[in-house]
N, C-alpha and C. Protein backbone atom coordinates (compact mmCIF):
# COMPACT_ATOMS: atom_id res chain seq x y z
N MET A 1 -29.31 1.19 8.63
CA MET A 1 -27.94 1.97 8.55
C MET A 1 -27.34 1.76 9.86
N GLN A 2 -25.90 1.75 9.79
CA GLN A 2 -25.14 1.60 11.00
C GLN A 2 -24.53 3.13 11.32
N VAL A 3 -24.67 3.42 12.57
CA VAL A 3 -24.40 4.68 13.20
C VAL A 3 -23.27 4.58 14.14
N GLU A 4 -21.98 5.08 13.88
CA GLU A 4 -20.92 4.94 14.76
C GLU A 4 -20.49 6.32 15.27
N PRO A 5 -20.38 6.44 16.56
CA PRO A 5 -19.85 7.71 17.20
C PRO A 5 -18.40 7.75 16.95
N THR A 6 -17.91 9.04 17.04
CA THR A 6 -16.46 9.30 16.94
C THR A 6 -15.96 9.95 18.23
N PRO A 7 -14.80 10.29 18.40
CA PRO A 7 -14.34 10.98 19.53
C PRO A 7 -14.78 12.36 19.61
N LEU A 8 -15.39 13.00 18.58
CA LEU A 8 -15.89 14.33 18.49
C LEU A 8 -17.34 14.30 18.52
N SER A 9 -17.93 14.87 19.64
CA SER A 9 -19.32 14.86 19.95
C SER A 9 -20.12 15.45 18.69
N GLY A 10 -21.10 14.54 18.13
CA GLY A 10 -21.85 14.92 17.04
C GLY A 10 -21.42 14.54 15.69
N VAL A 11 -20.08 14.25 15.59
CA VAL A 11 -19.53 13.84 14.31
C VAL A 11 -19.77 12.17 14.24
N LEU A 12 -20.52 11.71 13.24
CA LEU A 12 -20.79 10.38 13.16
C LEU A 12 -20.41 9.74 11.81
N VAL A 13 -20.01 8.47 11.93
CA VAL A 13 -19.82 7.79 10.65
C VAL A 13 -21.00 6.93 10.48
N ILE A 14 -21.61 7.02 9.19
CA ILE A 14 -22.85 6.40 8.94
C ILE A 14 -22.63 5.60 7.76
N THR A 15 -23.03 4.27 7.91
CA THR A 15 -22.99 3.46 6.79
C THR A 15 -24.32 2.84 6.46
N PRO A 16 -24.90 3.19 5.32
CA PRO A 16 -26.20 2.77 4.93
C PRO A 16 -25.95 1.30 4.41
N LYS A 17 -27.11 0.58 4.65
CA LYS A 17 -27.15 -0.87 4.15
C LYS A 17 -27.21 -0.90 2.60
N ARG A 18 -26.49 -1.84 2.09
CA ARG A 18 -26.47 -2.04 0.66
C ARG A 18 -27.19 -3.44 0.41
N PHE A 19 -28.05 -3.40 -0.59
CA PHE A 19 -28.72 -4.64 -1.10
C PHE A 19 -28.19 -5.04 -2.37
N GLY A 20 -27.39 -6.10 -2.52
CA GLY A 20 -26.72 -6.41 -3.70
C GLY A 20 -27.17 -7.72 -4.32
N ASP A 21 -26.94 -7.78 -5.60
CA ASP A 21 -27.22 -9.08 -6.41
C ASP A 21 -26.18 -9.02 -7.58
N HIS A 22 -26.49 -9.92 -8.47
CA HIS A 22 -25.70 -10.00 -9.77
C HIS A 22 -25.59 -8.76 -10.60
N ARG A 23 -26.50 -7.82 -10.33
CA ARG A 23 -26.50 -6.55 -11.07
C ARG A 23 -25.79 -5.49 -10.52
N GLY A 24 -25.46 -5.59 -9.23
CA GLY A 24 -24.89 -4.57 -8.47
C GLY A 24 -25.44 -4.25 -7.05
N PHE A 25 -25.79 -3.14 -6.62
CA PHE A 25 -26.35 -3.00 -5.37
C PHE A 25 -27.38 -1.82 -5.45
N PHE A 26 -28.20 -1.68 -4.34
CA PHE A 26 -29.03 -0.51 -4.11
C PHE A 26 -28.80 -0.11 -2.73
N SER A 27 -28.82 1.22 -2.47
CA SER A 27 -28.49 1.69 -1.17
C SER A 27 -29.30 3.02 -0.95
N GLU A 28 -29.99 3.09 0.22
CA GLU A 28 -30.78 4.37 0.46
C GLU A 28 -29.67 5.28 1.26
N SER A 29 -29.07 6.15 0.57
CA SER A 29 -28.05 7.02 1.09
C SER A 29 -28.56 8.04 2.05
N TYR A 30 -29.85 8.28 2.07
CA TYR A 30 -30.26 9.27 2.98
C TYR A 30 -31.84 9.08 3.06
N SER A 31 -32.39 9.10 4.32
CA SER A 31 -33.69 9.05 4.66
C SER A 31 -33.93 9.80 5.90
N ALA A 32 -34.81 10.91 5.70
CA ALA A 32 -35.08 11.86 7.03
C ALA A 32 -35.78 10.92 8.08
N LYS A 33 -36.55 9.96 7.71
CA LYS A 33 -37.24 9.18 8.59
C LYS A 33 -36.23 8.28 9.38
N ARG A 34 -35.41 7.60 8.67
CA ARG A 34 -34.40 6.71 9.25
C ARG A 34 -33.38 7.53 10.10
N PHE A 35 -32.98 8.62 9.72
CA PHE A 35 -32.12 9.49 10.36
C PHE A 35 -32.78 9.99 11.63
N ALA A 36 -33.99 10.33 11.69
CA ALA A 36 -34.80 10.74 12.83
C ALA A 36 -34.82 9.51 13.84
N GLU A 37 -35.08 8.42 13.40
CA GLU A 37 -35.20 7.20 14.18
C GLU A 37 -33.78 7.04 14.94
N ALA A 38 -32.79 7.43 14.36
CA ALA A 38 -31.45 7.32 14.92
C ALA A 38 -30.99 8.55 15.79
N GLY A 39 -32.01 9.46 15.92
CA GLY A 39 -31.88 10.64 16.69
C GLY A 39 -31.11 11.77 15.93
N ILE A 40 -31.06 11.70 14.64
CA ILE A 40 -30.38 12.81 13.85
C ILE A 40 -31.48 13.52 13.16
N GLU A 41 -31.67 14.78 13.53
CA GLU A 41 -32.75 15.62 13.06
C GLU A 41 -32.21 16.86 12.51
N ILE A 42 -31.61 16.68 11.26
CA ILE A 42 -31.07 17.93 10.55
C ILE A 42 -31.72 18.08 9.25
N GLY A 43 -32.23 19.16 8.97
CA GLY A 43 -32.96 19.42 7.71
C GLY A 43 -31.89 19.76 6.68
N PHE A 44 -31.75 19.01 5.61
CA PHE A 44 -30.84 19.44 4.51
C PHE A 44 -31.43 20.13 3.43
N VAL A 45 -30.83 21.07 2.95
CA VAL A 45 -31.48 21.98 1.84
C VAL A 45 -30.77 21.96 0.38
N GLN A 46 -29.56 21.52 0.50
CA GLN A 46 -28.75 21.61 -0.67
C GLN A 46 -27.83 20.46 -0.83
N ASP A 47 -27.68 19.89 -2.05
CA ASP A 47 -26.65 18.83 -2.38
C ASP A 47 -25.61 19.47 -3.29
N ASN A 48 -24.52 19.05 -2.92
CA ASN A 48 -23.23 19.51 -3.62
C ASN A 48 -22.48 18.29 -4.22
N HIS A 49 -21.89 18.43 -5.30
CA HIS A 49 -21.11 17.35 -5.92
C HIS A 49 -19.87 17.77 -6.60
N SER A 50 -18.75 17.38 -6.21
CA SER A 50 -17.51 17.83 -6.97
C SER A 50 -16.65 16.72 -7.37
N VAL A 51 -15.77 16.99 -8.35
CA VAL A 51 -14.85 15.89 -8.84
C VAL A 51 -13.47 16.43 -8.71
N SER A 52 -12.64 15.66 -8.20
CA SER A 52 -11.22 16.00 -8.19
C SER A 52 -10.37 15.00 -9.00
N GLU A 53 -9.85 15.43 -10.01
CA GLU A 53 -9.17 14.61 -11.07
C GLU A 53 -7.93 13.98 -10.58
N THR A 54 -7.13 14.74 -9.73
CA THR A 54 -5.72 14.41 -9.31
C THR A 54 -5.71 13.85 -7.89
N VAL A 55 -4.94 12.73 -7.73
CA VAL A 55 -4.54 12.29 -6.46
C VAL A 55 -3.85 13.42 -5.54
N GLY A 56 -4.32 13.46 -4.31
CA GLY A 56 -3.58 14.51 -3.50
C GLY A 56 -4.32 15.94 -3.53
N THR A 57 -5.53 15.93 -4.28
CA THR A 57 -6.28 17.21 -4.16
C THR A 57 -6.90 17.32 -2.81
N VAL A 58 -6.46 18.57 -2.33
CA VAL A 58 -6.98 18.96 -0.90
C VAL A 58 -7.98 19.97 -1.01
N ARG A 59 -9.18 19.79 -0.51
CA ARG A 59 -10.11 20.91 -0.35
C ARG A 59 -10.47 21.06 1.12
N GLY A 60 -10.25 22.30 1.58
CA GLY A 60 -10.55 22.57 3.04
C GLY A 60 -9.32 23.22 3.70
N LEU A 61 -9.41 23.44 4.90
CA LEU A 61 -10.69 23.11 5.83
C LEU A 61 -11.55 24.36 5.88
N HIS A 62 -12.83 24.13 5.56
CA HIS A 62 -13.87 25.08 5.36
C HIS A 62 -14.99 24.99 6.40
N PHE A 63 -15.57 26.12 6.63
CA PHE A 63 -16.80 26.13 7.43
C PHE A 63 -17.64 27.45 7.05
N GLN A 64 -18.83 27.39 7.43
CA GLN A 64 -19.71 28.56 7.28
C GLN A 64 -20.29 29.06 8.56
N ALA A 65 -20.08 30.27 8.82
CA ALA A 65 -20.50 30.83 10.15
C ALA A 65 -21.91 31.21 10.22
N PRO A 66 -22.46 31.30 11.52
CA PRO A 66 -23.90 31.68 11.59
C PRO A 66 -24.07 33.07 10.98
N PRO A 67 -25.14 33.47 10.57
CA PRO A 67 -26.38 32.76 10.66
C PRO A 67 -26.72 31.68 9.54
N HIS A 68 -25.63 31.34 8.77
CA HIS A 68 -25.78 30.28 7.79
C HIS A 68 -24.76 29.08 7.98
N ALA A 69 -24.63 28.70 9.24
CA ALA A 69 -23.73 27.65 9.54
C ALA A 69 -24.39 26.40 8.85
N GLN A 70 -23.42 25.51 8.49
CA GLN A 70 -23.82 24.26 7.85
C GLN A 70 -23.40 22.95 8.57
N ALA A 71 -24.38 22.11 8.68
CA ALA A 71 -24.09 20.66 8.89
C ALA A 71 -23.89 20.11 7.51
N LYS A 72 -22.97 18.93 7.43
CA LYS A 72 -22.84 18.37 6.18
C LYS A 72 -22.95 16.88 6.38
N LEU A 73 -23.43 16.17 5.37
CA LEU A 73 -23.51 14.77 5.28
C LEU A 73 -22.66 14.43 4.07
N VAL A 74 -21.51 13.82 4.11
CA VAL A 74 -20.53 13.56 3.16
C VAL A 74 -20.32 12.15 2.73
N ARG A 75 -20.27 11.85 1.40
CA ARG A 75 -20.04 10.62 1.00
C ARG A 75 -19.21 10.64 -0.27
N CYS A 76 -18.69 9.52 -0.66
CA CYS A 76 -17.84 9.49 -1.88
C CYS A 76 -18.62 8.60 -2.97
N GLY A 77 -18.83 9.32 -4.10
CA GLY A 77 -19.59 8.70 -5.16
C GLY A 77 -18.80 7.80 -6.00
N ARG A 78 -17.36 8.10 -6.16
CA ARG A 78 -16.47 7.43 -6.96
C ARG A 78 -15.11 7.60 -6.39
N GLY A 79 -14.40 6.50 -6.30
CA GLY A 79 -12.91 6.73 -5.85
C GLY A 79 -12.78 6.51 -4.39
N ARG A 80 -11.88 7.36 -3.80
CA ARG A 80 -11.55 7.24 -2.35
C ARG A 80 -11.03 8.53 -1.88
N LEU A 81 -11.47 8.91 -0.73
CA LEU A 81 -10.93 10.20 -0.13
C LEU A 81 -10.74 10.05 1.41
N TRP A 82 -9.93 10.97 1.97
CA TRP A 82 -9.72 10.91 3.39
C TRP A 82 -10.53 12.23 3.86
N ASP A 83 -11.46 12.05 4.70
CA ASP A 83 -12.39 13.10 5.09
C ASP A 83 -12.12 13.52 6.47
N VAL A 84 -12.02 14.80 6.84
CA VAL A 84 -11.64 15.19 8.12
C VAL A 84 -12.67 16.39 8.64
N ALA A 85 -13.01 16.23 9.92
CA ALA A 85 -13.66 17.20 10.60
C ALA A 85 -12.79 17.66 11.91
N VAL A 86 -12.87 19.06 11.97
CA VAL A 86 -12.08 19.71 13.12
C VAL A 86 -13.04 20.53 13.93
N ASP A 87 -13.03 20.28 15.29
CA ASP A 87 -13.95 21.12 16.25
C ASP A 87 -13.35 22.36 16.37
N ILE A 88 -14.24 23.28 16.10
CA ILE A 88 -13.86 24.74 16.07
C ILE A 88 -14.95 25.36 17.00
N ARG A 89 -15.55 24.74 17.92
CA ARG A 89 -16.57 25.19 18.89
C ARG A 89 -15.80 25.69 20.23
N LYS A 90 -15.73 26.92 20.38
CA LYS A 90 -15.10 27.49 21.58
C LYS A 90 -15.62 26.84 22.90
N SER A 91 -14.76 26.63 23.85
CA SER A 91 -15.13 25.95 25.07
C SER A 91 -15.42 24.43 24.97
N SER A 92 -15.31 23.91 23.79
CA SER A 92 -15.59 22.44 23.64
C SER A 92 -14.45 21.72 24.32
N PRO A 93 -14.61 20.64 24.89
CA PRO A 93 -13.59 19.83 25.45
C PRO A 93 -12.66 19.20 24.28
N THR A 94 -13.24 19.20 23.12
CA THR A 94 -12.36 18.67 22.05
C THR A 94 -12.02 19.72 21.06
N TYR A 95 -12.11 21.02 21.36
CA TYR A 95 -11.73 22.11 20.63
C TYR A 95 -10.38 21.95 20.03
N GLY A 96 -10.20 22.14 18.69
CA GLY A 96 -8.96 21.99 17.97
C GLY A 96 -8.59 20.53 17.74
N GLN A 97 -9.45 19.60 18.12
CA GLN A 97 -9.18 18.19 17.69
C GLN A 97 -9.81 17.84 16.41
N TRP A 98 -9.36 16.76 15.96
CA TRP A 98 -9.84 16.36 14.57
C TRP A 98 -10.16 14.89 14.55
N PHE A 99 -10.88 14.50 13.55
CA PHE A 99 -11.24 13.09 13.27
C PHE A 99 -11.31 12.92 11.81
N GLY A 100 -10.73 11.90 11.31
CA GLY A 100 -10.59 11.54 9.91
C GLY A 100 -10.96 10.11 9.59
N THR A 101 -11.52 9.81 8.54
CA THR A 101 -11.88 8.53 8.07
C THR A 101 -11.79 8.42 6.57
N GLU A 102 -11.67 7.16 6.04
CA GLU A 102 -11.60 7.08 4.60
C GLU A 102 -13.09 6.74 4.09
N LEU A 103 -13.48 7.61 3.15
CA LEU A 103 -14.87 7.38 2.46
C LEU A 103 -14.49 6.91 1.11
N SER A 104 -15.16 5.88 0.66
CA SER A 104 -14.89 5.45 -0.64
C SER A 104 -16.28 4.86 -1.32
N PHE A 105 -16.28 4.69 -2.59
CA PHE A 105 -17.27 4.19 -3.28
C PHE A 105 -17.59 2.73 -2.69
N GLU A 106 -16.36 1.99 -2.41
CA GLU A 106 -16.45 0.62 -2.01
C GLU A 106 -17.05 0.47 -0.63
N ASN A 107 -16.58 1.34 0.37
CA ASN A 107 -17.02 1.05 1.67
C ASN A 107 -18.45 1.75 1.93
N GLY A 108 -18.88 2.62 1.09
CA GLY A 108 -20.16 3.29 1.36
C GLY A 108 -20.45 4.11 2.54
N LYS A 109 -19.38 4.37 3.38
CA LYS A 109 -19.37 5.15 4.46
C LYS A 109 -19.74 6.63 4.16
N GLN A 110 -20.38 7.31 5.23
CA GLN A 110 -20.63 8.68 5.20
C GLN A 110 -20.19 9.30 6.34
N LEU A 111 -19.82 10.70 6.34
CA LEU A 111 -19.38 11.43 7.52
C LEU A 111 -20.42 12.42 7.83
N LEU A 112 -21.11 12.43 9.01
CA LEU A 112 -21.90 13.56 9.34
C LEU A 112 -21.15 14.54 10.21
N ILE A 113 -21.13 15.74 9.70
CA ILE A 113 -20.38 16.79 10.36
C ILE A 113 -21.26 17.98 10.69
N PRO A 114 -21.60 18.26 12.06
CA PRO A 114 -22.54 19.16 12.36
C PRO A 114 -21.85 20.50 12.20
N ALA A 115 -22.73 21.65 12.30
CA ALA A 115 -22.28 22.98 12.40
C ALA A 115 -21.36 23.09 13.52
N GLY A 116 -20.33 24.02 13.41
CA GLY A 116 -19.28 24.06 14.52
C GLY A 116 -18.01 23.35 14.31
N PHE A 117 -17.91 22.82 13.13
CA PHE A 117 -16.71 22.02 12.72
C PHE A 117 -16.24 22.55 11.36
N ALA A 118 -14.98 22.49 11.20
CA ALA A 118 -14.43 22.80 9.89
C ALA A 118 -14.23 21.40 9.21
N HIS A 119 -14.31 21.41 7.78
CA HIS A 119 -14.40 20.17 7.11
C HIS A 119 -13.36 20.30 5.94
N GLY A 120 -12.71 19.24 5.67
CA GLY A 120 -11.78 19.17 4.55
C GLY A 120 -11.50 17.73 4.08
N PHE A 121 -10.92 17.51 2.91
CA PHE A 121 -10.69 16.19 2.44
C PHE A 121 -9.49 16.17 1.50
N VAL A 122 -8.82 14.97 1.32
CA VAL A 122 -7.77 14.81 0.30
C VAL A 122 -8.15 13.60 -0.54
N THR A 123 -8.12 13.68 -1.78
CA THR A 123 -8.33 12.49 -2.67
C THR A 123 -7.23 11.52 -2.69
N LEU A 124 -7.65 10.26 -2.84
CA LEU A 124 -6.70 8.99 -2.81
C LEU A 124 -6.61 8.44 -3.99
N GLU A 125 -7.53 8.68 -4.96
CA GLU A 125 -7.65 8.07 -6.28
C GLU A 125 -7.84 9.13 -7.31
N PRO A 126 -7.52 8.96 -8.49
CA PRO A 126 -7.86 9.95 -9.55
C PRO A 126 -9.41 9.85 -9.74
N GLY A 127 -9.91 11.00 -10.28
CA GLY A 127 -11.35 11.11 -10.57
C GLY A 127 -12.19 10.84 -9.38
N THR A 128 -11.89 11.20 -8.25
CA THR A 128 -12.68 11.04 -7.03
C THR A 128 -13.86 11.98 -6.94
N GLU A 129 -15.06 11.48 -6.68
CA GLU A 129 -16.22 12.37 -6.52
C GLU A 129 -16.66 12.48 -5.12
N ILE A 130 -16.96 13.67 -4.70
CA ILE A 130 -17.43 13.91 -3.34
C ILE A 130 -18.77 14.45 -3.46
N VAL A 131 -19.86 13.91 -2.72
CA VAL A 131 -21.19 14.17 -2.70
C VAL A 131 -21.66 14.55 -1.41
N TYR A 132 -22.21 15.66 -1.11
CA TYR A 132 -22.62 16.05 0.26
C TYR A 132 -23.83 16.98 0.30
N LYS A 133 -24.56 16.69 1.40
CA LYS A 133 -25.64 17.45 1.78
C LYS A 133 -25.35 18.60 2.71
N CYS A 134 -26.13 19.76 2.57
CA CYS A 134 -25.78 20.91 3.55
C CYS A 134 -27.10 21.23 4.09
N SER A 135 -26.98 21.64 5.29
CA SER A 135 -28.19 22.13 6.04
C SER A 135 -28.62 23.57 5.96
N ASP A 136 -27.76 24.32 5.22
CA ASP A 136 -28.06 25.68 4.82
C ASP A 136 -27.46 26.01 3.48
N TYR A 137 -27.90 27.02 2.85
CA TYR A 137 -27.43 27.35 1.53
C TYR A 137 -26.06 28.09 1.55
N TYR A 138 -25.30 27.90 0.46
CA TYR A 138 -24.03 28.60 0.43
C TYR A 138 -24.13 30.13 0.50
N ALA A 139 -23.37 30.62 1.49
CA ALA A 139 -23.36 32.00 1.74
C ALA A 139 -21.95 32.54 1.66
N PRO A 140 -21.43 33.21 0.66
CA PRO A 140 -20.09 33.51 0.63
C PRO A 140 -19.59 34.41 1.66
N ASP A 141 -20.50 35.37 2.10
CA ASP A 141 -20.08 36.20 3.11
C ASP A 141 -19.89 35.67 4.52
N CYS A 142 -20.31 34.38 4.63
CA CYS A 142 -20.16 33.61 5.86
C CYS A 142 -19.07 32.51 5.90
N GLU A 143 -18.47 32.46 4.75
CA GLU A 143 -17.55 31.35 4.63
C GLU A 143 -16.22 31.56 5.29
N GLY A 144 -15.61 30.57 5.90
CA GLY A 144 -14.36 30.62 6.56
C GLY A 144 -13.42 29.51 6.27
N ALA A 145 -12.17 29.53 6.49
CA ALA A 145 -11.21 28.49 6.29
C ALA A 145 -10.13 28.54 7.28
N ILE A 146 -9.50 27.34 7.47
CA ILE A 146 -8.33 27.15 8.24
C ILE A 146 -7.33 26.41 7.36
N ARG A 147 -6.12 26.77 7.59
CA ARG A 147 -4.96 26.05 6.74
C ARG A 147 -5.03 24.51 7.05
N TRP A 148 -4.98 23.80 5.86
CA TRP A 148 -5.14 22.32 5.94
C TRP A 148 -4.04 21.70 6.68
N ASP A 149 -2.87 22.14 6.56
CA ASP A 149 -1.59 21.49 7.17
C ASP A 149 -1.10 22.39 8.39
N ASP A 150 -1.95 23.05 9.08
CA ASP A 150 -1.60 23.61 10.24
C ASP A 150 -0.87 22.79 11.31
N PRO A 151 0.27 22.93 11.67
CA PRO A 151 1.01 22.07 12.69
C PRO A 151 0.34 22.03 14.00
N ASP A 152 -0.54 23.13 14.39
CA ASP A 152 -1.06 23.01 15.67
C ASP A 152 -2.26 22.01 15.70
N LEU A 153 -2.85 21.73 14.48
CA LEU A 153 -3.92 20.73 14.37
C LEU A 153 -3.30 19.39 14.24
N GLY A 154 -2.23 19.25 13.50
CA GLY A 154 -1.49 18.04 13.38
C GLY A 154 -2.35 17.01 12.71
N ILE A 155 -3.02 17.20 11.69
CA ILE A 155 -3.85 16.30 10.89
C ILE A 155 -2.90 15.36 10.17
N ASP A 156 -3.11 14.07 10.35
CA ASP A 156 -2.39 13.09 9.57
C ASP A 156 -2.98 12.78 8.32
N TRP A 157 -2.65 13.59 7.33
CA TRP A 157 -3.11 13.42 5.92
C TRP A 157 -2.39 12.39 5.29
N PRO A 158 -3.18 11.28 4.70
CA PRO A 158 -2.51 10.17 4.05
C PRO A 158 -1.94 10.48 2.72
N LEU A 159 -0.99 11.43 2.63
CA LEU A 159 -0.36 11.78 1.29
C LEU A 159 0.76 10.81 1.06
N SER A 160 0.82 10.04 -0.07
CA SER A 160 1.92 9.20 -0.24
C SER A 160 3.19 10.05 -0.60
N ALA A 161 4.32 9.39 -0.25
CA ALA A 161 5.54 10.06 -0.67
C ALA A 161 5.63 10.44 -2.13
N GLY A 162 6.13 11.64 -2.26
CA GLY A 162 6.26 12.18 -3.71
C GLY A 162 4.95 12.85 -4.28
N ILE A 163 3.94 12.66 -3.52
CA ILE A 163 2.62 13.41 -3.91
C ILE A 163 2.55 14.77 -3.36
N GLU A 164 2.60 15.80 -4.24
CA GLU A 164 2.48 17.04 -3.78
C GLU A 164 0.98 17.41 -3.71
N PRO A 165 0.53 18.08 -2.62
CA PRO A 165 -0.98 18.43 -2.61
C PRO A 165 -1.36 19.47 -3.60
N VAL A 166 -2.51 19.36 -4.07
CA VAL A 166 -3.11 20.17 -5.16
C VAL A 166 -4.13 21.02 -4.48
N LEU A 167 -3.94 22.38 -4.47
CA LEU A 167 -4.62 23.23 -3.58
C LEU A 167 -5.33 24.40 -4.42
N SER A 168 -6.40 25.03 -4.06
CA SER A 168 -6.87 26.17 -4.75
C SER A 168 -6.01 27.29 -4.13
N GLY A 169 -5.98 28.58 -4.71
CA GLY A 169 -5.27 29.65 -4.16
C GLY A 169 -5.80 30.03 -2.80
N LYS A 170 -7.05 29.96 -2.67
CA LYS A 170 -7.66 30.38 -1.39
C LYS A 170 -7.33 29.43 -0.32
N ASP A 171 -7.32 28.17 -0.52
CA ASP A 171 -6.96 27.13 0.44
C ASP A 171 -5.41 27.29 0.81
N ALA A 172 -4.60 27.56 -0.16
CA ALA A 172 -3.18 27.68 0.11
C ALA A 172 -2.84 28.91 0.98
N GLU A 173 -3.77 29.77 1.01
CA GLU A 173 -3.54 31.14 1.75
C GLU A 173 -4.47 31.15 3.01
N ALA A 174 -5.19 30.09 3.35
CA ALA A 174 -6.06 30.09 4.54
C ALA A 174 -5.19 30.35 5.78
N PRO A 175 -5.85 31.12 6.79
CA PRO A 175 -5.16 31.44 7.94
C PRO A 175 -5.01 30.15 8.87
N PHE A 176 -4.01 30.34 9.73
CA PHE A 176 -3.66 29.21 10.67
C PHE A 176 -4.65 29.24 11.85
N PHE A 177 -4.89 28.04 12.57
CA PHE A 177 -5.91 27.83 13.54
C PHE A 177 -5.83 28.84 14.60
N ALA A 178 -4.52 29.13 15.06
CA ALA A 178 -4.25 30.06 16.15
C ALA A 178 -4.97 31.52 15.88
N ALA A 179 -5.17 31.81 14.58
CA ALA A 179 -5.68 33.18 14.27
C ALA A 179 -7.19 33.09 14.16
N LEU A 180 -7.86 31.89 14.47
CA LEU A 180 -9.29 31.78 14.35
C LEU A 180 -9.99 32.31 15.50
N ASP A 181 -10.79 33.40 15.20
CA ASP A 181 -11.76 33.73 16.30
C ASP A 181 -13.18 33.07 15.92
N SER A 182 -13.25 31.85 16.45
CA SER A 182 -14.43 31.06 16.08
C SER A 182 -15.75 31.60 16.31
N PRO A 183 -16.66 31.68 15.47
CA PRO A 183 -17.98 32.11 15.53
C PRO A 183 -18.80 31.08 16.23
N PHE A 184 -18.33 29.88 16.72
CA PHE A 184 -19.07 28.83 17.25
C PHE A 184 -18.73 28.68 18.86
N THR A 185 -19.67 28.40 19.63
CA THR A 185 -19.51 28.08 21.07
C THR A 185 -20.19 26.66 21.25
N TRP A 186 -19.46 25.90 22.03
CA TRP A 186 -19.92 24.56 22.33
C TRP A 186 -21.24 24.79 23.20
N GLU A 187 -22.22 23.99 22.89
CA GLU A 187 -23.56 24.14 23.60
C GLU A 187 -23.45 23.67 25.07
N GLY A 188 -22.48 22.90 25.43
CA GLY A 188 -22.29 22.48 26.72
C GLY A 188 -21.64 23.31 27.68
N ALA A 189 -21.09 24.42 27.08
CA ALA A 189 -20.42 25.52 27.87
C ALA A 189 -21.35 26.31 28.66
N ALA A 190 -20.85 26.46 30.03
CA ALA A 190 -21.75 27.19 30.87
C ALA A 190 -21.91 28.64 30.62
């Protein structure tokens, strides 16, 4: 597997190797052993799978606070999506900065998002599937959100002209980044 760092410490683009022939391909999308060999030691306990039927469906920006903070390993099972991580660790040198990349069935890329980051995505094709591993179980009392189009974050969402974002009511009413009292602190902070 190929592991690429991003400008956000701990956020990694991981591309598992594909073995293909006339039938298609085989890929080992996750191996605790191979991840450990790459210095990634996160225990995943839950897999989630969602489908977004409409292009321009936005989900996020979401996070789970301690004691149920979640790291996520995100991939696209079908279609294409733009996946985003936002650093919400107080005192981090990249606090409030974001990284985005396209995940698709075709490119096979995955995004590893550690705890301490908000996560969101927008679908770029109809019927897009997102599949992701979580390092802790869903805990509704610990969930948090930030508005996806917050101008202070300035995320460059690749929404084509004329495409209106499709949002849940909760995501449409998420608070702005400036109102966030983050429950995370950067481990490098003194």
